N, C-alpha and C. Protein backbone atom coordinates (compact mmCIF):
# COMPACT_ATOMS: atom_id res chain seq x y z
N UNK A 1 0.73 -1.24 -0.12
CA UNK A 1 0.13 0.09 0.19
C UNK A 1 0.74 1.26 0.10
N UNK A 2 0.47 2.19 -0.58
CA UNK A 2 0.58 3.59 -0.75
C UNK A 2 -0.15 4.34 -0.09
N UNK A 3 0.17 4.75 1.56
CA UNK A 3 -0.79 5.43 2.36
C UNK A 3 -2.05 4.66 2.04
N UNK A 4 -3.19 5.01 1.63
CA UNK A 4 -4.83 4.48 1.32
C UNK A 4 -4.72 3.65 -0.48
N UNK A 5 -3.45 3.97 -1.10
CA UNK A 5 -3.70 3.99 -2.42
C UNK A 5 -3.43 2.04 -2.88
N UNK A 6 -3.65 1.46 -3.32
CA UNK A 6 -3.23 0.20 -3.40
C UNK A 6 -2.14 0.14 -4.54
N UNK A 7 -1.40 -1.16 -4.38
CA UNK A 7 -0.76 -1.15 -5.00
C UNK A 7 -0.61 -1.56 -6.30
N UNK A 8 -1.72 -2.00 -6.85
CA UNK A 8 -2.02 -1.56 -8.73
C UNK A 8 -3.78 -1.60 -8.07
N UNK A 9 -4.01 -0.52 -8.87
CA UNK A 9 -5.20 0.14 -8.84
C UNK A 9 -5.88 -0.56 -9.57
N UNK A 10 -7.00 -1.23 -9.77
CA UNK A 10 -7.87 -1.56 -10.80
C UNK A 10 -8.68 -0.65 -11.49
N UNK A 11 -9.20 0.13 -10.63
CA UNK A 11 -10.39 1.18 -10.66
C UNK A 11 -9.57 2.55 -11.73
N UNK A 12 -8.23 2.99 -11.60
CA UNK A 12 -7.57 3.47 -12.50
C UNK A 12 -7.67 3.17 -13.92
N UNK A 13 -7.27 1.54 -13.96
CA UNK A 13 -6.99 1.27 -15.31
C UNK A 13 -8.23 0.71 -16.09
N UNK A 14 -9.57 0.58 -15.28
CA UNK A 14 -10.82 0.79 -15.75
C UNK A 14 -11.50 2.28 -16.41
N UNK A 15 -10.93 3.38 -15.37
CA UNK A 15 -11.20 3.94 -15.40
C UNK A 15 -10.70 4.55 -16.62
N UNK A 16 -9.49 4.49 -17.49
CA UNK A 16 -8.53 4.91 -18.16
C UNK A 16 -8.39 3.84 -19.59
N UNK A 17 -9.31 3.13 -19.76
CA UNK A 17 -9.10 2.16 -20.66
C UNK A 17 -8.95 2.94 -22.22
N UNK A 18 -9.33 3.99 -22.52
CA UNK A 18 -9.61 4.48 -23.65
C UNK A 18 -8.39 5.52 -23.86
N UNK A 19 -7.62 5.76 -23.07
CA UNK A 19 -6.13 5.95 -22.97
C UNK A 19 -5.37 5.34 -22.94
N UNK A 20 -5.41 3.85 -22.57
CA UNK A 20 -4.70 2.90 -22.75
C UNK A 20 -4.74 2.22 -24.12
N UNK A 21 -6.26 2.26 -24.81
CA UNK A 21 -6.02 1.59 -26.23
C UNK A 21 -5.33 2.82 -27.17
N UNK A 22 -5.89 4.37 -26.69
CA UNK A 22 -4.84 4.82 -27.61
C UNK A 22 -3.44 4.96 -27.40
N UNK A 23 -2.92 5.09 -26.11
CA UNK A 23 -1.60 4.66 -26.32
C UNK A 23 -1.01 3.49 -26.84
N UNK A 24 -1.93 2.09 -26.65
CA UNK A 24 -1.34 1.04 -27.74
C UNK A 24 -1.45 1.38 -28.80
N UNK A 25 -2.32 1.88 -29.64
CA UNK A 25 -2.15 2.02 -31.15
C UNK A 25 -1.11 3.47 -31.17
N UNK A 26 -1.00 4.10 -30.66
CA UNK A 26 0.47 4.85 -30.57
C UNK A 26 1.70 3.94 -30.74
N UNK A 27 1.69 2.90 -29.86
CA UNK A 27 2.90 2.10 -29.90
C UNK A 27 2.98 1.27 -31.11
N UNK A 28 1.65 0.45 -31.54
CA UNK A 28 1.48 -0.57 -32.35
C UNK A 28 1.97 0.94 -34.06
N UNK A 29 1.48 1.81 -33.99
CA UNK A 29 1.79 2.53 -34.95
C UNK A 29 3.51 3.04 -35.20
N UNK A 30 3.75 3.43 -34.06
CA UNK A 30 5.40 3.65 -34.32
C UNK A 30 6.43 2.52 -34.11
N UNK A 31 6.05 1.35 -34.22
CA UNK A 31 6.70 0.34 -34.01
C UNK A 31 6.60 -0.14 -35.69
N UNK A 32 5.49 -0.21 -36.44
CA UNK A 32 5.23 -0.57 -37.35
C UNK A 32 6.05 0.21 -38.57
N UNK A 33 5.84 1.52 -37.95
CA UNK A 33 6.48 2.50 -39.08
C UNK A 33 7.96 2.61 -38.71
N UNK A 34 8.51 2.34 -37.83
CA UNK A 34 9.85 2.33 -37.78
C UNK A 34 10.61 0.60 -38.29
N UNK A 35 10.12 -0.42 -37.93
CA UNK A 35 10.28 -1.49 -38.47
C UNK A 35 10.11 -1.77 -40.09
N UNK A 36 9.10 -1.34 -40.52
CA UNK A 36 8.99 -0.98 -41.90
C UNK A 36 9.76 -0.71 -42.97
N UNK A 37 10.27 0.79 -42.54
CA UNK A 37 11.44 1.82 -43.12
C UNK A 37 12.68 0.77 -42.78
N UNK A 38 13.05 0.39 -41.52
CA UNK A 38 14.04 -0.26 -41.22
C UNK A 38 14.52 -1.52 -42.45
N UNK A 39 12.80 -2.05 -42.71
CA UNK A 39 13.04 -3.35 -43.30
C UNK A 39 13.61 -2.64 -45.04
N UNK A 40 12.73 -1.63 -45.58
CA UNK A 40 13.08 -1.18 -47.05
C UNK A 40 14.94 -0.97 -46.72
N UNK A 41 15.61 -0.05 -45.55
CA UNK A 41 16.57 0.45 -45.94
C UNK A 41 17.42 -1.31 -45.74
N UNK A 42 16.86 -2.16 -45.06
CA UNK A 42 17.76 -3.10 -44.69
C UNK A 42 18.06 -3.74 -46.12
N UNK A 43 16.88 -4.02 -46.73
CA UNK A 43 16.76 -4.50 -47.93
C UNK A 43 17.48 -4.11 -48.68
N UNK A 44 17.90 -2.39 -49.43
CA UNK A 44 18.75 -2.15 -50.02
C UNK A 44 19.99 -2.41 -49.97
N UNK A 45 20.40 -2.41 -48.48
CA UNK A 45 21.74 -2.04 -47.99
C UNK A 45 22.24 -4.03 -48.25
N UNK A 46 21.62 -4.93 -47.81
CA UNK A 46 21.90 -6.19 -48.20
C UNK A 46 21.65 -6.61 -49.84
N UNK A 47 21.08 -6.02 -50.87
CA UNK A 47 20.75 -6.05 -52.15
C UNK A 47 22.15 -5.75 -52.22
N UNK A 48 22.83 -4.43 -51.78
CA UNK A 48 24.06 -3.96 -52.70
C UNK A 48 25.35 -5.20 -51.94
N UNK A 49 24.99 -5.22 -50.66
CA UNK A 49 26.46 -6.37 -50.15
C UNK A 49 26.08 -7.85 -51.06
N UNK A 50 24.85 -8.23 -51.52
CA UNK A 50 24.97 -9.25 -52.33
C UNK A 50 25.54 -9.25 -53.53
N UNK A 51 25.34 -7.97 -54.65
CA UNK A 51 25.88 -7.84 -55.48
C UNK A 51 26.89 -7.05 -55.96
N UNK A 52 27.75 -6.64 -54.61
CA UNK A 52 28.93 -6.52 -54.31
C UNK A 52 29.46 -6.89 -53.07
N UNK A 53 29.82 -8.24 -52.59
CA UNK A 53 30.26 -8.92 -51.60
C UNK A 53 31.24 -8.28 -50.73
N UNK A 54 32.02 -7.25 -50.98
CA UNK A 54 33.36 -6.55 -50.29
C UNK A 54 31.90 -5.76 -49.51
N UNK A 55 30.98 -5.28 -49.80
CA UNK A 55 30.31 -4.25 -48.96
C UNK A 55 29.63 -4.72 -47.94
N UNK A 56 29.37 -6.14 -47.51
CA UNK A 56 28.77 -7.14 -46.57
C UNK A 56 29.58 -6.64 -45.20
N UNK A 57 30.94 -6.76 -45.23
CA UNK A 57 31.77 -6.02 -43.82
C UNK A 57 31.59 -4.74 -43.33
N UNK A 58 31.63 -3.76 -43.98
CA UNK A 58 31.65 -2.39 -43.74
C UNK A 58 30.39 -2.46 -43.82
N UNK A 59 29.47 -2.90 -44.28
CA UNK A 59 27.84 -2.59 -43.47
C UNK A 59 27.24 -2.85 -42.34
N UNK A 60 27.66 -4.20 -42.11
CA UNK A 60 27.40 -4.99 -40.99
C UNK A 60 28.57 -4.38 -39.69
N UNK A 61 29.53 -4.05 -40.33
CA UNK A 61 30.49 -3.54 -39.26
C UNK A 61 29.65 -2.06 -38.81
N UNK A 62 29.20 -1.27 -39.63
CA UNK A 62 28.82 0.21 -39.00
C UNK A 62 27.29 -0.48 -38.45
N UNK A 63 26.67 -1.02 -38.91
CA UNK A 63 25.29 -1.53 -37.91
C UNK A 63 25.54 -2.04 -36.73
N UNK A 64 26.63 -2.85 -36.84
CA UNK A 64 27.00 -3.62 -35.22
C UNK A 64 27.69 -2.00 -34.29
N UNK A 65 28.24 -0.90 -34.75
CA UNK A 65 28.05 0.01 -33.80
C UNK A 65 27.30 0.92 -33.44
N UNK A 66 27.09 0.82 -34.66
CA UNK A 66 24.98 1.56 -34.18
C UNK A 66 24.06 1.06 -33.52
N UNK A 67 23.94 -0.30 -33.44
CA UNK A 67 23.69 -1.34 -32.46
C UNK A 67 23.55 -1.07 -30.94
N UNK A 68 25.04 -1.42 -30.61
CA UNK A 68 25.54 -0.81 -29.76
C UNK A 68 25.51 0.51 -28.55
N UNK A 69 24.84 1.42 -29.28
CA UNK A 69 24.86 2.40 -28.72
C UNK A 69 23.58 2.60 -27.94
N UNK A 70 23.61 3.10 -27.09
CA UNK A 70 22.43 2.88 -25.99
C UNK A 70 21.35 3.43 -26.31
N UNK A 71 19.79 3.90 -26.53
CA UNK A 71 19.11 4.76 -27.12
C UNK A 71 19.01 5.70 -26.85
N UNK A 72 19.35 6.41 -25.06
CA UNK A 72 19.13 7.64 -24.95
C UNK A 72 20.56 8.21 -25.47
N UNK A 73 21.37 7.42 -25.16
CA UNK A 73 22.58 7.93 -26.31
C UNK A 73 22.61 8.50 -27.51
N UNK A 74 22.22 7.70 -28.16
CA UNK A 74 21.09 7.66 -29.45
C UNK A 74 20.30 9.31 -29.55
N UNK A 75 19.80 9.25 -28.98
CA UNK A 75 19.18 10.51 -28.90
C UNK A 75 19.70 11.97 -28.93
N UNK A 76 20.38 11.96 -27.94
CA UNK A 76 21.63 12.82 -27.53
C UNK A 76 22.47 13.36 -28.88
N UNK A 77 22.52 12.05 -29.42
CA UNK A 77 23.44 12.05 -30.73
C UNK A 77 22.85 13.00 -32.20
N UNK A 78 21.69 12.26 -31.80
CA UNK A 78 20.79 12.79 -33.10
C UNK A 78 20.79 14.10 -33.07
N UNK A 79 20.38 14.65 -31.52
CA UNK A 79 19.50 15.98 -31.60
C UNK A 79 20.26 17.35 -31.95
N UNK A 80 21.23 17.04 -32.63
CA UNK A 80 21.85 18.49 -33.51
C UNK A 80 21.45 18.50 -34.60
N UNK A 81 21.41 17.20 -35.13
CA UNK A 81 20.84 16.88 -36.63
C UNK A 81 19.36 17.36 -36.91
N UNK A 82 18.67 16.51 -36.18
CA UNK A 82 17.23 16.56 -36.21
C UNK A 82 16.16 16.75 -35.27
N UNK A 83 17.05 17.44 -34.07
CA UNK A 83 16.43 18.31 -32.83
C UNK A 83 15.62 16.69 -32.06
N UNK A 84 15.05 17.27 -31.03
CA UNK A 84 14.10 16.15 -29.95
C UNK A 84 12.35 16.23 -30.66
N UNK A 85 12.51 15.03 -30.89
CA UNK A 85 11.08 14.67 -31.07
C UNK A 85 10.87 13.70 -32.29
N UNK A 86 9.87 13.72 -33.00
CA UNK A 86 9.56 12.48 -34.06
C UNK A 86 10.52 11.75 -34.79
N UNK A 87 11.09 12.77 -35.30
CA UNK A 87 12.18 12.19 -36.41
C UNK A 87 13.34 11.95 -35.81
N UNK A 88 13.76 12.42 -34.54
CA UNK A 88 14.88 11.50 -33.46
C UNK A 88 14.64 10.44 -33.11
N UNK A 89 13.37 10.47 -32.79
CA UNK A 89 12.93 8.60 -32.27
C UNK A 89 12.74 7.79 -33.49
N UNK A 90 12.27 8.11 -34.72
CA UNK A 90 11.92 7.28 -35.47
C UNK A 90 13.69 6.67 -36.29
N UNK A 91 14.61 7.96 -36.34
CA UNK A 91 15.47 7.51 -37.19
C UNK A 91 16.67 6.63 -35.77
N UNK A 92 16.06 7.21 -34.86
CA UNK A 92 17.05 5.92 -33.55
C UNK A 92 16.79 4.75 -33.87
N UNK A 93 15.07 4.34 -33.61
CA UNK A 93 14.50 3.19 -33.70
C UNK A 93 15.02 2.22 -35.10
N UNK A 94 15.03 3.04 -36.52
CA UNK A 94 14.99 2.46 -37.39
C UNK A 94 16.57 1.76 -37.74
N UNK A 95 17.57 2.92 -36.76
CA UNK A 95 18.97 2.50 -36.62
C UNK A 95 18.93 1.15 -36.03
N UNK A 96 18.40 1.15 -34.68
CA UNK A 96 18.62 -0.65 -34.12
C UNK A 96 18.14 -2.26 -35.10
N UNK A 97 17.08 -1.80 -35.56
CA UNK A 97 16.55 -2.58 -37.10
C UNK A 97 17.78 -3.29 -37.97
N UNK A 98 18.32 -2.40 -38.54
CA UNK A 98 19.01 -2.45 -39.84
C UNK A 98 20.32 -3.23 -39.33
N UNK A 99 21.37 -3.55 -38.59
CA UNK A 99 21.99 -5.35 -38.62
C UNK A 99 21.10 -5.97 -38.35
N UNK A 100 19.85 -6.38 -37.87
CA UNK A 100 19.64 -7.81 -37.62
C UNK A 100 18.90 -7.77 -38.91
N UNK A 101 18.03 -6.91 -39.43
CA UNK A 101 17.72 -7.02 -40.84
C UNK A 101 18.41 -7.05 -41.83
N UNK A 102 19.54 -6.41 -42.03
CA UNK A 102 20.37 -7.30 -43.15
C UNK A 102 21.42 -8.06 -43.32
N UNK A 103 21.52 -8.59 -42.14
CA UNK A 103 22.20 -9.74 -41.68
C UNK A 103 21.56 -10.84 -42.26
N UNK A 104 20.09 -10.93 -42.29
CA UNK A 104 19.18 -11.63 -42.49
C UNK A 104 19.00 -11.76 -43.54
N UNK A 105 18.50 -10.89 -43.86
CA UNK A 105 18.32 -10.48 -45.65
C UNK A 105 19.12 -11.24 -46.09
N UNK A 106 20.41 -11.12 -46.06
CA UNK A 106 21.63 -11.18 -46.94
C UNK A 106 21.60 -12.85 -46.87
N UNK A 107 21.74 -13.21 -45.46
CA UNK A 107 22.05 -14.99 -45.27
C UNK A 107 20.70 -15.40 -45.96
N UNK A 108 19.46 -15.04 -45.87
CA UNK A 108 18.52 -15.65 -45.93
C UNK A 108 18.58 -16.05 -47.87
N UNK A 109 18.98 -14.91 -48.68
CA UNK A 109 19.03 -14.94 -49.95
C UNK A 109 20.72 -15.83 -50.33
N UNK A 110 21.52 -15.47 -49.68
CA UNK A 110 23.15 -16.21 -50.37
C UNK A 110 22.82 -17.67 -49.82
N UNK A 111 21.80 -18.19 -48.77
CA UNK A 111 22.01 -19.45 -48.58
C UNK A 111 21.27 -20.18 -49.56
N UNK A 112 20.63 -19.60 -50.49
CA UNK A 112 19.77 -19.93 -51.57
C UNK A 112 20.79 -21.58 -52.08
N UNK A 113 20.25 -22.49 -52.05
CA UNK A 113 21.38 -23.59 -52.85
C UNK A 113 21.98 -23.14 -54.33
N UNK A 114 23.16 -23.19 -54.66
CA UNK A 114 23.53 -22.96 -56.24
C UNK A 114 22.76 -23.72 -57.08
N UNK A 115 22.61 -25.12 -56.58
CA UNK A 115 21.54 -26.26 -57.83
C UNK A 115 20.32 -25.59 -57.86
N UNK A 116 19.78 -24.98 -56.68
CA UNK A 116 18.42 -24.35 -56.67
C UNK A 116 18.22 -23.64 -57.79
N UNK A 117 19.20 -22.36 -57.72
CA UNK A 117 19.13 -21.21 -58.69
C UNK A 117 19.79 -21.85 -60.22
N UNK A 118 20.60 -23.25 -60.39
CA UNK A 118 20.49 -23.55 -61.66
C UNK A 118 19.63 -24.60 -62.28
N UNK A 119 18.52 -25.29 -61.51
CA UNK A 119 17.41 -25.40 -61.72
C UNK A 119 16.36 -25.17 -62.10
N UNK A 120 16.52 -23.61 -61.84
CA UNK A 120 15.32 -22.39 -62.00
C UNK A 120 15.68 -21.86 -63.25
N UNK A 121 17.06 -21.88 -63.72
CA UNK A 121 17.71 -21.30 -64.66
C UNK A 121 17.31 -22.28 -66.01
N UNK A 122 17.76 -23.76 -65.84
CA UNK A 122 17.39 -24.68 -66.92
C UNK A 122 15.92 -24.70 -66.76
N UNK A 123 14.90 -24.25 -66.22
CA UNK A 123 13.35 -24.46 -66.46
C UNK A 123 13.09 -22.95 -67.04
N UNK A 124 14.08 -22.25 -67.76
CA UNK A 124 13.97 -20.64 -68.37
C UNK A 124 13.33 -19.63 -67.69
N UNK A 125 13.66 -19.53 -65.81
CA UNK A 125 13.38 -18.45 -65.42
C UNK A 125 14.36 -17.53 -65.14
N UNK A 126 13.86 -16.10 -65.48
CA UNK A 126 14.96 -15.31 -65.56
C UNK A 126 15.31 -14.52 -64.46
N UNK A 127 16.11 -14.11 -64.13
CA UNK A 127 16.42 -13.46 -63.03
C UNK A 127 15.68 -12.73 -61.86
N UNK A 128 14.86 -12.20 -62.40
CA UNK A 128 13.71 -11.47 -61.53
C UNK A 128 12.85 -12.22 -61.11
N UNK A 129 12.24 -13.02 -61.84
CA UNK A 129 11.53 -14.24 -61.88
C UNK A 129 11.87 -15.30 -60.80
N UNK A 130 13.14 -15.52 -60.88
CA UNK A 130 13.65 -16.50 -60.16
C UNK A 130 14.17 -15.90 -58.46
N UNK A 131 14.31 -14.53 -58.59
CA UNK A 131 14.34 -14.42 -57.56
C UNK A 131 12.89 -14.30 -56.51
N UNK A 132 11.80 -13.61 -57.18
CA UNK A 132 10.36 -13.65 -56.71
C UNK A 132 9.67 -14.72 -56.53
N UNK A 133 9.82 -16.13 -56.98
CA UNK A 133 9.66 -17.09 -57.34
C UNK A 133 10.04 -18.48 -56.63
N UNK A 134 11.28 -18.07 -56.59
CA UNK A 134 12.45 -19.28 -56.20
C UNK A 134 13.12 -18.94 -54.70
N UNK A 135 13.95 -18.15 -55.34
CA UNK A 135 14.96 -17.57 -54.29
C UNK A 135 14.29 -16.79 -52.70
N UNK A 136 13.38 -15.83 -53.29
CA UNK A 136 13.25 -15.28 -52.09
C UNK A 136 11.97 -16.26 -50.93
N UNK A 137 11.32 -17.29 -51.61
CA UNK A 137 10.54 -18.02 -50.69
C UNK A 137 11.03 -18.99 -49.77
N UNK A 138 12.31 -19.22 -50.42
CA UNK A 138 12.65 -20.34 -49.59
C UNK A 138 13.90 -19.53 -48.71
N UNK A 139 13.81 -18.21 -48.88
CA UNK A 139 14.81 -17.66 -47.43
C UNK A 139 13.97 -16.76 -46.74
N UNK A 140 12.74 -16.89 -46.68
CA UNK A 140 11.83 -16.21 -46.10
C UNK A 140 11.61 -16.98 -44.71
N UNK A 141 11.93 -17.67 -43.82
CA UNK A 141 11.99 -18.32 -43.05
C UNK A 141 12.93 -17.52 -41.98
N UNK A 142 14.60 -17.23 -42.98
CA UNK A 142 14.98 -16.66 -42.01
C UNK A 142 14.89 -15.38 -42.12
N UNK A 143 14.54 -14.59 -43.11
CA UNK A 143 14.08 -12.82 -43.18
C UNK A 143 13.18 -13.05 -42.22
N UNK A 144 12.14 -13.67 -41.82
CA UNK A 144 10.96 -13.48 -40.70
C UNK A 144 11.69 -13.31 -39.69
N UNK A 145 12.42 -14.87 -39.59
CA UNK A 145 12.88 -14.67 -38.33
C UNK A 145 13.99 -13.50 -37.73
N UNK A 146 14.50 -12.65 -38.70
CA UNK A 146 15.31 -11.79 -38.49
C UNK A 146 14.15 -10.28 -37.67
N UNK A 147 12.98 -10.57 -38.61
CA UNK A 147 12.20 -9.45 -38.62
C UNK A 147 11.31 -9.67 -37.45
N UNK A 148 11.14 -10.80 -36.63
CA UNK A 148 10.38 -11.24 -35.65
C UNK A 148 11.53 -10.43 -34.42
N UNK A 149 12.95 -10.66 -34.50
CA UNK A 149 13.71 -9.96 -33.72
C UNK A 149 13.74 -8.54 -33.54
N UNK A 150 13.94 -8.08 -34.82
CA UNK A 150 13.67 -6.67 -34.92
C UNK A 150 12.33 -6.06 -34.44
N UNK A 151 11.76 -6.90 -34.71
CA UNK A 151 10.22 -6.08 -33.83
C UNK A 151 10.01 -6.55 -32.42
N UNK A 152 10.61 -7.06 -32.01
CA UNK A 152 10.66 -7.27 -30.71
C UNK A 152 11.70 -6.31 -29.85
N UNK A 153 12.71 -5.82 -30.40
CA UNK A 153 13.60 -4.86 -30.10
C UNK A 153 12.70 -3.67 -30.55
N UNK A 154 12.31 -3.38 -31.09
CA UNK A 154 11.49 -2.00 -31.63
C UNK A 154 10.63 -1.70 -30.06
N UNK A 155 9.56 -2.82 -30.38
CA UNK A 155 8.80 -2.69 -29.36
C UNK A 155 9.46 -1.95 -28.17
N UNK A 156 10.32 -3.06 -27.80
CA UNK A 156 10.95 -2.30 -26.25
C UNK A 156 11.75 -0.82 -26.46
N UNK A 157 11.80 -0.91 -27.29
CA UNK A 157 12.78 0.48 -27.07
C UNK A 157 11.69 1.78 -27.62
N UNK A 158 10.49 1.66 -28.03
CA UNK A 158 9.50 2.58 -28.09
C UNK A 158 9.14 2.98 -26.67
N UNK A 159 9.09 2.23 -25.82
CA UNK A 159 8.64 2.84 -24.65
C UNK A 159 9.97 3.85 -23.85
N UNK A 160 10.89 3.71 -24.66
CA UNK A 160 12.28 4.85 -24.42
C UNK A 160 11.67 6.01 -24.82
N UNK A 161 11.11 6.27 -25.93
CA UNK A 161 10.68 7.34 -26.58
C UNK A 161 10.41 8.11 -26.01
N UNK A 162 9.33 7.93 -25.00
CA UNK A 162 8.67 8.25 -24.15
C UNK A 162 9.04 9.92 -23.57
N UNK A 163 10.68 9.52 -23.45
CA UNK A 163 11.11 10.79 -22.63
C UNK A 163 11.41 11.92 -24.05
N UNK A 164 11.14 11.61 -25.41
CA UNK A 164 10.86 12.68 -26.15
C UNK A 164 9.65 12.84 -26.65
N UNK A 165 8.34 12.54 -25.47
CA UNK A 165 7.37 12.93 -25.30
C UNK A 165 6.41 12.29 -26.87
N UNK A 166 6.97 11.43 -27.21
CA UNK A 166 6.20 10.49 -28.08
C UNK A 166 5.17 9.57 -27.74
N UNK A 167 4.94 9.73 -26.42
CA UNK A 167 3.77 8.79 -26.31
C UNK A 167 3.84 7.61 -26.24
N UNK A 168 2.91 6.60 -26.56
CA UNK A 168 3.16 4.79 -26.27
C UNK A 168 2.99 4.57 -25.20
N UNK A 169 3.32 3.02 -24.79
CA UNK A 169 2.83 2.70 -23.35
C UNK A 169 4.27 3.50 -22.58
N UNK A 170 5.43 3.84 -23.13
CA UNK A 170 6.00 4.33 -21.97
C UNK A 170 5.92 5.55 -21.40
N UNK A 171 4.51 6.44 -21.86
CA UNK A 171 4.15 7.58 -21.52
C UNK A 171 3.90 7.01 -19.92
N UNK A 172 2.89 6.02 -19.61
CA UNK A 172 2.94 5.35 -18.77
C UNK A 172 3.60 4.60 -17.61
N UNK A 173 4.73 4.42 -18.13
CA UNK A 173 6.22 4.54 -17.48
C UNK A 173 6.60 5.70 -16.52
N UNK A 174 7.00 6.40 -17.28
CA UNK A 174 7.62 7.82 -17.30
C UNK A 174 6.59 8.47 -16.48
N UNK A 175 5.17 8.70 -16.77
CA UNK A 175 4.26 9.11 -16.01
C UNK A 175 4.26 8.41 -14.21
N UNK A 176 4.45 7.74 -14.11
CA UNK A 176 4.33 6.40 -12.98
C UNK A 176 5.50 7.19 -12.33
N UNK A 177 6.50 7.50 -12.82
CA UNK A 177 7.68 7.53 -11.95
C UNK A 177 7.69 8.95 -11.75
N UNK A 178 7.29 10.25 -12.55
CA UNK A 178 7.25 11.21 -12.59
C UNK A 178 6.29 12.35 -11.30
N UNK A 179 5.28 11.02 -10.73
CA UNK A 179 4.03 11.75 -9.64
C UNK A 179 5.14 12.04 -8.75
N UNK A 180 4.20 13.14 -8.24
CA UNK A 180 4.56 13.19 -6.73
C UNK A 180 4.61 12.52 -5.84
N UNK A 181 3.60 11.46 -5.90
CA UNK A 181 3.21 10.28 -5.68
C UNK A 181 3.29 9.22 -5.90
N UNK A 182 4.54 8.28 -5.78
CA UNK A 182 4.60 7.02 -6.67
C UNK A 182 3.47 6.71 -7.09
N UNK A 183 3.44 6.18 -8.44
CA UNK A 183 2.15 5.54 -8.78
C UNK A 183 2.48 4.40 -9.18
N UNK A 184 2.59 3.03 -8.74
CA UNK A 184 3.04 1.93 -9.84
C UNK A 184 2.23 1.16 -10.77
N UNK A 185 0.70 1.60 -10.39
CA UNK A 185 -0.28 1.03 -11.57
C UNK A 185 0.18 1.50 -12.91
N UNK A 186 0.54 2.50 -13.38
CA UNK A 186 0.62 2.79 -14.53
C UNK A 186 2.33 2.60 -15.10
N UNK A 187 2.98 2.06 -14.16
CA UNK A 187 4.24 1.70 -14.53
C UNK A 187 3.98 -0.03 -14.66
N UNK A 188 3.34 -0.56 -13.87
CA UNK A 188 3.21 -2.18 -14.10
C UNK A 188 2.36 -1.78 -15.58
N UNK A 189 1.04 -1.15 -15.53
CA UNK A 189 0.24 -1.39 -17.59
C UNK A 189 1.33 -1.24 -18.22
N UNK A 190 2.41 -0.07 -18.08
CA UNK A 190 3.26 0.54 -19.63
C UNK A 190 4.06 -0.91 -19.46
N UNK A 191 4.92 -1.19 -18.69
CA UNK A 191 5.81 -2.15 -18.87
C UNK A 191 5.31 -3.30 -19.32
N UNK A 192 3.83 -4.06 -18.88
CA UNK A 192 3.30 -5.27 -19.26
C UNK A 192 2.56 -5.41 -20.05
N UNK A 193 1.94 -4.19 -20.49
CA UNK A 193 1.13 -4.12 -21.86
C UNK A 193 2.21 -4.21 -23.05
N UNK A 194 3.38 -3.46 -22.89
CA UNK A 194 4.76 -3.57 -23.79
C UNK A 194 5.18 -5.20 -23.89
N UNK A 195 5.42 -6.02 -22.86
CA UNK A 195 5.30 -7.13 -23.11
C UNK A 195 4.74 -7.90 -23.78
N UNK A 196 3.32 -7.79 -23.53
CA UNK A 196 2.21 -8.25 -24.28
C UNK A 196 2.21 -8.15 -25.51
N UNK A 197 2.40 -7.10 -25.62
CA UNK A 197 2.26 -6.41 -27.59
C UNK A 197 3.74 -7.12 -28.15
N UNK A 198 4.75 -6.87 -27.58
CA UNK A 198 5.88 -7.97 -28.16
C UNK A 198 5.62 -9.08 -28.62
N UNK A 199 5.25 -9.52 -27.72
CA UNK A 199 5.22 -11.53 -27.76
C UNK A 199 3.99 -11.44 -28.53
N UNK A 200 2.46 -10.84 -28.59
CA UNK A 200 1.77 -10.80 -29.66
C UNK A 200 2.32 -10.53 -31.01
N UNK A 201 3.33 -9.71 -31.33
CA UNK A 201 3.42 -9.71 -32.57
C UNK A 201 4.21 -10.50 -33.09
N UNK A 202 5.04 -11.44 -32.13
CA UNK A 202 6.05 -12.32 -32.24
C UNK A 202 5.16 -13.55 -32.71
N UNK A 203 4.50 -13.76 -32.33
CA UNK A 203 3.67 -14.77 -32.49
C UNK A 203 2.54 -14.73 -33.84
N UNK A 204 2.36 -13.39 -34.21
CA UNK A 204 1.56 -13.16 -35.17
C UNK A 204 2.68 -13.05 -36.59
N UNK A 205 3.88 -12.84 -36.71
CA UNK A 205 5.12 -12.87 -37.40
C UNK A 205 5.12 -14.73 -37.54
N UNK A 206 5.55 -15.13 -36.80
CA UNK A 206 5.40 -16.47 -36.67
C UNK A 206 4.88 -17.19 -37.82
N UNK A 207 3.14 -17.29 -36.97
CA UNK A 207 2.29 -17.41 -37.98
C UNK A 207 2.08 -17.01 -39.35
N UNK A 208 2.39 -15.53 -39.65
CA UNK A 208 2.72 -15.60 -40.80
C UNK A 208 4.04 -16.38 -41.75
N UNK A 209 4.97 -16.65 -41.13
CA UNK A 209 6.12 -17.48 -41.83
C UNK A 209 5.68 -19.04 -42.33
N UNK A 210 4.56 -19.53 -41.12
CA UNK A 210 4.48 -21.56 -41.74
C UNK A 210 3.27 -20.97 -42.35
N UNK A 211 2.60 -19.83 -42.79
CA UNK A 211 1.51 -19.55 -44.06
C UNK A 211 2.15 -19.49 -45.08
N UNK A 212 3.50 -18.39 -45.35
CA UNK A 212 4.17 -18.64 -46.26
C UNK A 212 4.90 -19.56 -46.84
N UNK A 213 5.63 -20.08 -45.83
CA UNK A 213 7.13 -21.33 -46.05
C UNK A 213 6.20 -21.98 -45.27
N UNK A 214 5.11 -23.19 -45.43
CA UNK A 214 4.72 -23.94 -44.87
C UNK A 214 5.52 -25.33 -44.74
N UNK A 215 6.26 -25.81 -45.46
CA UNK A 215 7.39 -26.70 -45.85
C UNK A 215 8.36 -26.62 -45.03
N UNK A 216 8.49 -25.40 -44.05
CA UNK A 216 9.68 -24.99 -43.57
C UNK A 216 9.33 -25.72 -42.05
N UNK A 217 8.16 -24.93 -41.17
CA UNK A 217 7.39 -25.03 -40.01
C UNK A 217 8.13 -24.27 -39.10
N UNK A 218 8.11 -24.23 -37.88
CA UNK A 218 8.60 -23.14 -36.96
C UNK A 218 9.96 -23.21 -36.99
N UNK A 219 10.38 -21.84 -36.73
CA UNK A 219 12.04 -21.89 -36.22
C UNK A 219 11.95 -21.29 -35.26
């Protein structure tokens, strides 16, 4: 108990269901935008690395360095360039997806056996058709595995963007600590729903993987 206030106040939860729903939608939208942009950027980088293999080391090396920078430090580093706000948070979140997605896209595509490509060529497949109908379907389990990791990572990091005033479920965690009287209900709601959201998105992507490549099963 905190004075007369319970450790977890269900009344507060029911009174604020509309606000909680709004914050969940904000969290989902920001996560989807960051992962979507990260997927596009990573696909271009992976395509360049597949075309010019010497680029793979520098691309993943730089991505690894950026990935190790703590999120709050990343916000500070980006502040002189884009200020504090939406763009800052989005760039930071996209940055954390690039290493994971680039490596998995590259590994998935380059991991397609040469004999499969040769068989497709022998059947008259042109390179573009071979990519979309043969190579990409075979690489999908590896690519989706990377997408799952990147998505769960971003869901967690979106909670930190609350310090930039960007909302999401991190708002509850920050607000719970900022109150003059510590209010653990908000903190628990923000943290628990972030974890549930990450789990549900991961399961959703796993289901998508099974649908798109049923012959491989779950990974």
